[in-house]
Amino acid sequence: MSEAAKTPVPMDEAAAAFEELRQEIALMRRAVAGLSAEHASIEITDYSQTLGQMGKALNAILRTNKDIAEAPALRMTAQNWAEQIASASRTARQADREALDHARSGFDEITRTLSASFASARAANTQLMWVLGAAGSGLAVGVLIGVLVARFVG
């Protein structure tokens, strides 16, 4: 038997294939067992708090984006901008025109008031000249009558 054990016994092909398959499966079992042991030793971090913060930040960003998207300025075209600018300039020019008209009417009123004051001052000056002329004439006539009366009476 020792001689028979030493001589290789021919195996059929099916038995050889099953033996090879058995070795591969044994190898895979050892690998899976090693992976399971390695997987059990891995510590998994809890990211729920970080994910919650990221969710809140994302919601805030989405709200901001929605507000920006709903802004009227983003819906305006170049034509709308031109119309808005033209309308604003018309309004500004109208306000300036009204302010200028108001100032002009104020200046006209002041001019009329000053003209009336100057005319009144001129009339008062003319009246003063007439009064002074009449007083001077009256004084001269009085002095002349006094001299004549003093000559004839005297």
C-alpha atoms as a PDB file:
ATOM      1  CA  MET A   1       0.000   0.000   0.000  1.00  0.00           C
ATOM      2  CA  SER A   2       2.761   2.264   0.654  1.00  0.00           C
ATOM      3  CA  GLU A   3       3.759   1.735  -2.860  1.00  0.00           C
ATOM      4  CA  ALA A   4       0.256   2.323  -4.042  1.00  0.00           C
ATOM      5  CA  ALA A   5       0.014   5.532  -1.987  1.00  0.00           C
ATOM      6  CA  LYS A   6       3.167   6.799  -3.533  1.00  0.00           C
ATOM      7  CA  THR A   7       1.998   6.296  -7.031  1.00  0.00           C
ATOM      8  CA  PRO A   8      -0.430   8.962  -8.122  1.00  0.00           C
ATOM      9  CA  VAL A   9      -3.963   7.710  -8.527  1.00  0.00           C
ATOM     10  CA  PRO A  10      -5.554   9.100 -11.612  1.00  0.00           C
ATOM     11  CA  MET A  11      -8.611  11.201 -10.736  1.00  0.00           C
ATOM     12  CA  ASP A  12     -11.469  11.719 -12.975  1.00  0.00           C
ATOM     13  CA  GLU A  13     -12.108  15.240 -14.214  1.00  0.00           C
ATOM     14  CA  ALA A  14     -15.356  15.756 -12.257  1.00  0.00           C
ATOM     15  CA  ALA A  15     -13.704  14.898  -8.959  1.00  0.00           C
ATOM     16  CA  ALA A  16     -10.848  17.309  -9.761  1.00  0.00           C
ATOM     17  CA  ALA A  17     -13.292  20.101 -10.583  1.00  0.00           C
ATOM     18  CA  PHE A  18     -15.223  19.509  -7.333  1.00  0.00           C
ATOM     19  CA  GLU A  19     -11.992  19.546  -5.341  1.00  0.00           C
ATOM     20  CA  GLU A  20     -10.953  22.827  -6.948  1.00  0.00           C
ATOM     21  CA  LEU A  21     -14.422  24.278  -6.274  1.00  0.00           C
ATOM     22  CA  ARG A  22     -14.231  23.136  -2.640  1.00  0.00           C
ATOM     23  CA  GLN A  23     -10.905  24.936  -2.197  1.00  0.00           C
ATOM     24  CA  GLU A  24     -12.248  28.150  -3.753  1.00  0.00           C
ATOM     25  CA  ILE A  25     -15.331  28.081  -1.525  1.00  0.00           C
ATOM     26  CA  ALA A  26     -13.160  27.514   1.546  1.00  0.00           C
ATOM     27  CA  LEU A  27     -11.023  30.470   0.514  1.00  0.00           C
ATOM     28  CA  MET A  28     -14.122  32.643   0.031  1.00  0.00           C
ATOM     29  CA  ARG A  29     -15.468  31.593   3.463  1.00  0.00           C
ATOM     30  CA  ARG A  30     -12.234  32.653   5.118  1.00  0.00           C
ATOM     31  CA  ALA A  31     -12.310  35.987   3.217  1.00  0.00           C
ATOM     32  CA  VAL A  32     -15.952  36.685   4.159  1.00  0.00           C
ATOM     33  CA  ALA A  33     -15.257  35.797   7.780  1.00  0.00           C
ATOM     34  CA  GLY A  34     -12.322  38.213   7.767  1.00  0.00           C
ATOM     35  CA  LEU A  35     -14.456  40.945   6.223  1.00  0.00           C
ATOM     36  CA  SER A  36     -17.172  40.440   8.814  1.00  0.00           C
ATOM     37  CA  ALA A  37     -14.671  40.724  11.633  1.00  0.00           C
ATOM     38  CA  GLU A  38     -13.121  43.786  10.037  1.00  0.00           C
ATOM     39  CA  HIS A  39     -16.561  45.355   9.434  1.00  0.00           C
ATOM     40  CA  ALA A  40     -17.533  44.824  13.068  1.00  0.00           C
ATOM     41  CA  SER A  41     -14.428  46.733  14.198  1.00  0.00           C
ATOM     42  CA  ILE A  42     -15.230  49.804  12.023  1.00  0.00           C
ATOM     43  CA  GLU A  43     -16.743  52.676  14.031  1.00  0.00           C
ATOM     44  CA  ILE A  44     -19.383  54.577  12.063  1.00  0.00           C
ATOM     45  CA  THR A  45     -19.692  58.293  12.875  1.00  0.00           C
ATOM     46  CA  ASP A  46     -23.180  59.736  13.474  1.00  0.00           C
ATOM     47  CA  TYR A  47     -23.667  62.548  10.995  1.00  0.00           C
ATOM     48  CA  SER A  48     -27.303  63.322  11.856  1.00  0.00           C
ATOM     49  CA  GLN A  49     -26.479  66.631  13.602  1.00  0.00           C
ATOM     50  CA  THR A  50     -24.259  67.768  10.722  1.00  0.00           C
ATOM     51  CA  LEU A  51     -26.870  66.713   8.186  1.00  0.00           C
ATOM     52  CA  GLY A  52     -29.524  68.642  10.152  1.00  0.00           C
ATOM     53  CA  GLN A  53     -27.401  71.788  10.076  1.00  0.00           C
ATOM     54  CA  MET A  54     -26.751  71.309   6.374  1.00  0.00           C
ATOM     55  CA  GLY A  55     -30.496  70.868   5.803  1.00  0.00           C
ATOM     56  CA  LYS A  56     -31.266  74.110   7.654  1.00  0.00           C
ATOM     57  CA  ALA A  57     -28.614  75.961   5.666  1.00  0.00           C
ATOM     58  CA  LEU A  58     -29.948  74.515   2.419  1.00  0.00           C
ATOM     59  CA  ASN A  59     -33.495  75.608   3.325  1.00  0.00           C
ATOM     60  CA  ALA A  60     -32.246  79.135   4.069  1.00  0.00           C
ATOM     61  CA  ILE A  61     -30.443  79.220   0.725  1.00  0.00           C
ATOM     62  CA  LEU A  62     -33.566  77.998  -1.062  1.00  0.00           C
ATOM     63  CA  ARG A  63     -35.673  80.713   0.600  1.00  0.00           C
ATOM     64  CA  THR A  64     -33.140  83.363  -0.365  1.00  0.00           C
ATOM     65  CA  ASN A  65     -33.023  82.085  -3.939  1.00  0.00           C
ATOM     66  CA  LYS A  66     -36.823  82.142  -4.082  1.00  0.00           C
ATOM     67  CA  ASP A  67     -36.878  85.742  -2.802  1.00  0.00           C
ATOM     68  CA  ILE A  68     -34.260  86.736  -5.363  1.00  0.00           C
ATOM     69  CA  ALA A  69     -36.118  84.950  -8.156  1.00  0.00           C
ATOM     70  CA  GLU A  70     -39.340  86.741  -7.211  1.00  0.00           C
ATOM     71  CA  ALA A  71     -37.651  90.162  -7.200  1.00  0.00           C
ATOM     72  CA  PRO A  72     -39.286  92.473  -9.742  1.00  0.00           C
ATOM     73  CA  ALA A  73     -35.917  93.714 -10.961  1.00  0.00           C
ATOM     74  CA  LEU A  74     -35.045  90.264 -12.317  1.00  0.00           C
ATOM     75  CA  ARG A  75     -38.273  90.077 -14.309  1.00  0.00           C
ATOM     76  CA  MET A  76     -37.638  93.365 -16.094  1.00  0.00           C
ATOM     77  CA  THR A  77     -36.322  93.481 -19.631  1.00  0.00           C
ATOM     78  CA  ALA A  78     -34.116  96.178 -21.090  1.00  0.00           C
ATOM     79  CA  GLN A  79     -37.223  97.800 -22.569  1.00  0.00           C
ATOM     80  CA  ASN A  80     -38.881  97.820 -19.124  1.00  0.00           C
ATOM     81  CA  TRP A  81     -35.780  99.405 -17.630  1.00  0.00           C
ATOM     82  CA  ALA A  82     -35.762 102.087 -20.329  1.00  0.00           C
ATOM     83  CA  GLU A  83     -39.443 102.843 -19.727  1.00  0.00           C
ATOM     84  CA  GLN A  84     -38.904 103.036 -15.958  1.00  0.00           C
ATOM     85  CA  ILE A  85     -35.937 105.380 -16.380  1.00  0.00           C
ATOM     86  CA  ALA A  86     -37.859 107.583 -18.828  1.00  0.00           C
ATOM     87  CA  SER A  87     -40.840 107.716 -16.462  1.00  0.00           C
ATOM     88  CA  ALA A  88     -38.639 108.597 -13.504  1.00  0.00           C
ATOM     89  CA  SER A  89     -36.882 111.336 -15.474  1.00  0.00           C
ATOM     90  CA  ARG A  90     -40.241 112.779 -16.577  1.00  0.00           C
ATOM     91  CA  THR A  91     -41.391 112.815 -12.960  1.00  0.00           C
ATOM     92  CA  ALA A  92     -38.149 114.463 -11.830  1.00  0.00           C
ATOM     93  CA  ARG A  93     -38.327 117.067 -14.607  1.00  0.00           C
ATOM     94  CA  GLN A  94     -41.967 117.776 -13.755  1.00  0.00           C
ATOM     95  CA  ALA A  95     -41.066 118.299 -10.096  1.00  0.00           C
ATOM     96  CA  ASP A  96     -38.199 120.598 -11.116  1.00  0.00           C
ATOM     97  CA  ARG A  97     -40.486 122.505 -13.472  1.00  0.00           C
ATOM     98  CA  GLU A  98     -43.077 122.979 -10.702  1.00  0.00           C
ATOM     99  CA  ALA A  99     -40.377 124.161  -8.272  1.00  0.00           C
ATOM    100  CA  LEU A 100     -39.052 126.611 -10.881  1.00  0.00           C
ATOM    101  CA  ASP A 101     -42.565 127.930 -11.593  1.00  0.00           C
ATOM    102  CA  HIS A 102     -43.170 128.329  -7.866  1.00  0.00           C
ATOM    103  CA  ALA A 103     -39.886 130.238  -7.469  1.00  0.00           C
ATOM    104  CA  ARG A 104     -40.662 132.390 -10.526  1.00  0.00           C
ATOM    105  CA  SER A 105     -44.094 133.321  -9.129  1.00  0.00           C
ATOM    106  CA  GLY A 106     -42.446 134.182  -5.797  1.00  0.00           C
ATOM    107  CA  PHE A 107     -39.916 136.392  -7.541  1.00  0.00           C
ATOM    108  CA  ASP A 108     -42.700 138.058  -9.542  1.00  0.00           C
ATOM    109  CA  GLU A 109     -44.619 138.763  -6.329  1.00  0.00           C
ATOM    110  CA  ILE A 110     -41.511 140.222  -4.672  1.00  0.00           C
ATOM    111  CA  THR A 111     -40.866 142.371  -7.777  1.00  0.00           C
ATOM    112  CA  ARG A 112     -44.425 143.693  -7.722  1.00  0.00           C
ATOM    113  CA  THR A 113     -44.180 144.410  -3.997  1.00  0.00           C
ATOM    114  CA  LEU A 114     -40.864 146.233  -4.419  1.00  0.00           C
ATOM    115  CA  SER A 115     -42.166 148.186  -7.413  1.00  0.00           C
ATOM    116  CA  ALA A 116     -45.220 149.234  -5.410  1.00  0.00           C
ATOM    117  CA  SER A 117     -42.987 150.239  -2.491  1.00  0.00           C
ATOM    118  CA  PHE A 118     -40.751 152.307  -4.772  1.00  0.00           C
ATOM    119  CA  ALA A 119     -43.764 153.960  -6.402  1.00  0.00           C
ATOM    120  CA  SER A 120     -45.190 154.709  -2.978  1.00  0.00           C
ATOM    121  CA  ALA A 121     -41.831 156.120  -1.843  1.00  0.00           C
ATOM    122  CA  ARG A 122     -41.653 158.271  -4.993  1.00  0.00           C
ATOM    123  CA  ALA A 123     -45.177 159.529  -4.393  1.00  0.00           C
ATOM    124  CA  ALA A 124     -44.344 160.267  -0.759  1.00  0.00           C
ATOM    125  CA  ASN A 125     -41.208 162.112  -1.881  1.00  0.00           C
ATOM    126  CA  THR A 126     -43.231 164.142  -4.386  1.00  0.00           C
ATOM    127  CA  GLN A 127     -45.816 164.941  -1.709  1.00  0.00           C
ATOM    128  CA  LEU A 128     -43.040 165.981   0.658  1.00  0.00           C
ATOM    129  CA  MET A 129     -41.666 168.341  -2.001  1.00  0.00           C
ATOM    130  CA  TRP A 130     -45.109 169.831  -2.528  1.00  0.00           C
ATOM    131  CA  VAL A 131     -45.623 170.255   1.219  1.00  0.00           C
ATOM    132  CA  LEU A 132     -42.171 171.805   1.633  1.00  0.00           C
ATOM    133  CA  GLY A 133     -42.765 174.022  -1.408  1.00  0.00           C
ATOM    134  CA  ALA A 134     -46.153 175.104  -0.053  1.00  0.00           C
ATOM    135  CA  ALA A 135     -44.712 175.700   3.418  1.00  0.00           C
ATOM    136  CA  GLY A 136     -41.802 177.654   1.957  1.00  0.00           C
ATOM    137  CA  SER A 137     -44.140 179.651  -0.256  1.00  0.00           C
ATOM    138  CA  GLY A 138     -46.464 180.244   2.676  1.00  0.00           C
ATOM    139  CA  LEU A 139     -43.554 181.360   4.801  1.00  0.00           C
ATOM    140  CA  ALA A 140     -42.311 183.663   2.071  1.00  0.00           C
ATOM    141  CA  VAL A 141     -45.781 185.132   1.553  1.00  0.00           C
ATOM    142  CA  GLY A 142     -46.179 185.499   5.346  1.00  0.00           C
ATOM    143  CA  VAL A 143     -42.843 187.251   5.653  1.00  0.00           C
ATOM    144  CA  LEU A 144     -43.717 189.505   2.700  1.00  0.00           C
ATOM    145  CA  ILE A 145     -47.129 190.333   4.194  1.00  0.00           C
ATOM    146  CA  GLY A 146     -45.484 190.945   7.556  1.00  0.00           C
ATOM    147  CA  VAL A 147     -43.018 193.329   5.972  1.00  0.00           C
ATOM    148  CA  LEU A 148     -45.788 195.091   4.058  1.00  0.00           C
ATOM    149  CA  VAL A 149     -47.990 195.330   7.126  1.00  0.00           C
ATOM    150  CA  ALA A 150     -45.084 196.607   9.174  1.00  0.00           C
ATOM    151  CA  ARG A 151     -44.391 199.284   6.505  1.00  0.00           C
ATOM    152  CA  PHE A 152     -47.928 200.490   6.243  1.00  0.00           C
ATOM    153  CA  VAL A 153     -48.736 200.268   9.884  1.00  0.00           C
ATOM    154  CA  GLY A 154     -45.592 201.357  11.139  1.00  0.00           C
END
